[in-house]
């Protein structure tokens, strides 16, 4: 019995040491640092998916979805005060139609989208945001803040045609706030 246990432990150690294709230094350097806000959203999404897929009946899945939508809304609106800070995202689209600029970003399976119409006469802050938004390049990665405008959708994780979380929020550059 002792020989089997030693053999199993030795095999596990060999696989662990020699089975990784990346060195520990490479693994550490590839790990991205996320803000507390972003990590909370990732954890909430992971917990939602785990509970949803563990549920056997559709009625229970629907209840879980409602509970997590409420948790998400409470976190964004009540806890954060609708200010979503320091999110590492990828720019999906930037569409300009006259003074209307619609942007879409994502991080994992969370999407941020909003269209904002700028006036012809803008103060310097509004003009700065307008030009910053127009300069965003699709497929680029950046860290931005978002202003949540109250609407959030939580889709079934079974539906792979849409992001699981869709947050209606407009972006702003990090250096805009003191």
Protein backbone atom coordinates (compact mmCIF):
# COMPACT_ATOMS: atom_id res chain seq x y z
CA UNK A 1 0.00 0.00 0.00
CA UNK A 2 2.85 2.37 0.89
CA UNK A 3 4.58 1.60 -2.40
CA UNK A 4 1.44 2.50 -4.38
CA UNK A 5 1.01 5.76 -2.48
CA UNK A 6 4.67 6.69 -3.03
CA UNK A 7 4.37 5.79 -6.72
CA UNK A 8 1.23 7.96 -7.10
CA UNK A 9 2.87 10.90 -5.32
CA UNK A 10 6.04 10.53 -7.41
CA UNK A 11 4.02 10.34 -10.65
CA UNK A 12 2.08 13.46 -9.69
CA UNK A 13 5.30 15.31 -8.92
CA UNK A 14 6.88 14.29 -12.26
CA UNK A 15 3.80 15.35 -14.23
CA UNK A 16 3.62 18.62 -12.33
CA UNK A 17 7.29 19.46 -12.81
CA UNK A 18 7.76 18.30 -16.39
CA UNK A 19 4.23 18.44 -17.76
CA UNK A 20 3.94 22.23 -17.86
CA UNK A 21 4.93 23.80 -21.15
CA UNK A 22 5.47 27.19 -19.54
CA UNK A 23 7.87 28.01 -16.75
CA UNK A 24 6.40 29.43 -13.53
CA UNK A 25 7.86 32.81 -14.48
CA UNK A 26 6.02 32.74 -17.83
CA UNK A 27 2.76 31.71 -16.17
CA UNK A 28 3.07 34.57 -13.68
CA UNK A 29 3.95 37.14 -16.34
CA UNK A 30 0.93 36.13 -18.45
CA UNK A 31 -1.46 36.66 -15.54
CA UNK A 32 -3.33 39.92 -16.00
CA UNK A 33 -3.99 42.19 -13.06
CA UNK A 34 -7.61 43.21 -12.77
CA UNK A 35 -9.23 45.89 -10.66
CA UNK A 36 -11.34 44.81 -7.68
CA UNK A 37 -14.42 45.79 -9.67
CA UNK A 38 -13.48 43.66 -12.66
CA UNK A 39 -12.51 40.67 -10.53
CA UNK A 40 -15.81 40.93 -8.62
CA UNK A 41 -17.73 40.90 -11.93
CA UNK A 42 -15.74 37.87 -13.14
CA UNK A 43 -16.39 36.03 -9.86
CA UNK A 44 -20.09 36.89 -9.96
CA UNK A 45 -20.32 35.63 -13.55
CA UNK A 46 -18.43 32.41 -12.69
CA UNK A 47 -20.71 31.76 -9.70
CA UNK A 48 -23.79 32.41 -11.83
CA UNK A 49 -22.65 29.94 -14.48
CA UNK A 50 -21.80 27.29 -11.88
CA UNK A 51 -25.17 27.52 -10.17
CA UNK A 52 -27.05 27.76 -13.46
CA UNK A 53 -25.43 24.65 -14.95
CA UNK A 54 -25.85 22.73 -11.67
CA UNK A 55 -29.61 23.32 -11.72
CA UNK A 56 -31.60 20.52 -13.35
CA UNK A 57 -34.97 22.18 -13.90
CA UNK A 58 -35.60 25.22 -16.09
CA UNK A 59 -37.70 26.86 -13.37
CA UNK A 60 -34.72 26.79 -11.01
CA UNK A 61 -32.41 28.10 -13.76
CA UNK A 62 -34.80 31.02 -14.33
CA UNK A 63 -34.82 31.77 -10.59
CA UNK A 64 -31.02 31.70 -10.46
CA UNK A 65 -30.88 34.05 -13.44
CA UNK A 66 -33.25 36.51 -11.72
CA UNK A 67 -31.26 36.37 -8.48
CA UNK A 68 -27.96 37.06 -10.25
CA UNK A 69 -29.44 39.87 -12.33
CA UNK A 70 -30.54 41.50 -9.06
CA UNK A 71 -27.06 40.98 -7.55
CA UNK A 72 -25.45 42.46 -10.64
CA UNK A 73 -27.75 45.47 -10.69
CA UNK A 74 -27.28 46.05 -6.95
CA UNK A 75 -23.50 45.92 -7.32
CA UNK A 76 -23.38 48.28 -10.30
CA UNK A 77 -25.95 50.80 -9.04
CA UNK A 78 -25.86 50.69 -5.26
CA UNK A 79 -22.33 49.56 -4.43
CA UNK A 80 -20.45 51.30 -7.23
CA UNK A 81 -22.83 54.24 -7.65
CA UNK A 82 -22.90 53.53 -11.41
CA UNK A 83 -19.16 54.30 -11.77
CA UNK A 84 -17.34 51.20 -13.06
CA UNK A 85 -13.64 51.88 -12.67
CA UNK A 86 -10.50 50.53 -14.31
CA UNK A 87 -11.82 47.82 -16.60
CA UNK A 88 -9.38 46.04 -18.92
CA UNK A 89 -11.37 45.65 -22.13
CA UNK A 90 -11.09 45.05 -25.85
CA UNK A 91 -12.67 47.56 -28.22
CA UNK A 92 -15.17 45.79 -30.50
CA UNK A 93 -16.70 48.64 -32.49
CA UNK A 94 -16.77 52.41 -32.75
CA UNK A 95 -19.55 53.71 -34.98
CA UNK A 96 -20.00 57.39 -35.76
CA UNK A 97 -23.23 58.68 -37.29
CA UNK A 98 -23.02 62.46 -37.28
CA UNK A 99 -22.60 63.44 -33.63
CA UNK A 100 -23.78 60.03 -32.36
CA UNK A 101 -20.91 57.78 -31.29
CA UNK A 102 -21.72 54.19 -30.35
CA UNK A 103 -19.01 52.11 -28.71
CA UNK A 104 -18.89 48.46 -27.79
CA UNK A 105 -16.27 46.73 -25.62
CA UNK A 106 -15.91 43.33 -24.02
CA UNK A 107 -13.97 41.54 -21.32
CA UNK A 108 -14.46 37.78 -21.16
CA UNK A 109 -18.21 37.30 -21.57
CA UNK A 110 -19.20 40.79 -20.40
CA UNK A 111 -20.13 43.43 -22.97
CA UNK A 112 -20.28 47.21 -22.47
CA UNK A 113 -22.21 49.17 -25.07
CA UNK A 114 -23.67 52.63 -25.42
CA UNK A 115 -24.37 55.35 -27.94
CA UNK A 116 -24.02 58.97 -26.94
CA UNK A 117 -25.05 61.97 -29.01
CA UNK A 118 -22.75 64.96 -28.62
CA UNK A 119 -24.02 68.50 -29.13
CA UNK A 120 -22.60 70.81 -31.78
CA UNK A 121 -21.30 73.12 -29.06
CA UNK A 122 -19.33 71.22 -26.41
CA UNK A 123 -17.26 72.29 -23.45
CA UNK A 124 -13.63 71.16 -23.36
CA UNK A 125 -14.38 68.02 -21.30
CA UNK A 126 -17.12 66.86 -23.70
CA UNK A 127 -14.93 67.65 -26.72
CA UNK A 128 -12.08 65.66 -25.18
CA UNK A 129 -14.34 62.61 -24.61
CA UNK A 130 -15.79 62.92 -28.12
CA UNK A 131 -12.36 62.87 -29.80
CA UNK A 132 -11.07 60.16 -27.45
CA UNK A 133 -14.01 57.93 -28.40
CA UNK A 134 -13.45 58.53 -32.11
CA UNK A 135 -9.77 57.61 -31.73
CA UNK A 136 -10.57 54.19 -30.22
CA UNK A 137 -9.41 51.36 -32.50
CA UNK A 138 -11.31 48.06 -32.77
CA UNK A 139 -9.37 45.05 -31.43
CA UNK A 140 -7.23 47.30 -29.23
CA UNK A 141 -6.92 46.55 -25.52
CA UNK A 142 -7.11 49.32 -22.96
CA UNK A 143 -8.19 50.17 -19.45
CA UNK A 144 -11.17 52.51 -19.14
CA UNK A 145 -13.85 53.63 -16.74
CA UNK A 146 -17.54 53.24 -17.54
CA UNK A 147 -20.59 55.16 -16.42
CA UNK A 148 -23.46 52.68 -15.97
CA UNK A 149 -26.72 54.11 -17.19
CA UNK A 150 -29.04 51.75 -15.37
CA UNK A 151 -29.76 49.02 -17.87
CA UNK A 152 -28.17 45.59 -17.63
CA UNK A 153 -29.05 42.27 -19.25
CA UNK A 154 -28.13 38.83 -17.96
CA UNK A 155 -28.56 36.10 -20.52
CA UNK A 156 -28.59 32.37 -20.08
CA UNK A 157 -25.06 30.94 -20.23
CA UNK A 158 -26.53 28.29 -22.56
CA UNK A 159 -26.98 30.93 -25.26
CA UNK A 160 -23.59 31.32 -26.91
CA UNK A 161 -24.89 33.77 -29.54
CA UNK A 162 -24.91 36.70 -27.08
CA UNK A 163 -22.65 37.77 -24.22
CA UNK A 164 -23.84 36.48 -20.87
CA UNK A 165 -23.74 40.00 -19.39
CA UNK A 166 -24.57 43.15 -21.31
CA UNK A 167 -24.07 46.44 -19.48
CA UNK A 168 -25.26 49.69 -21.02
CA UNK A 169 -22.55 52.15 -20.07
CA UNK A 170 -20.49 54.75 -21.83
CA UNK A 171 -16.71 54.79 -21.58
CA UNK A 172 -14.46 57.53 -20.32
CA UNK A 173 -10.68 57.73 -20.21
CA UNK A 174 -8.93 56.98 -16.94
CA UNK A 175 -7.37 60.42 -16.71
CA UNK A 176 -10.73 62.20 -16.80
CA UNK A 177 -11.40 61.80 -13.07
CA UNK A 178 -9.14 63.18 -10.33
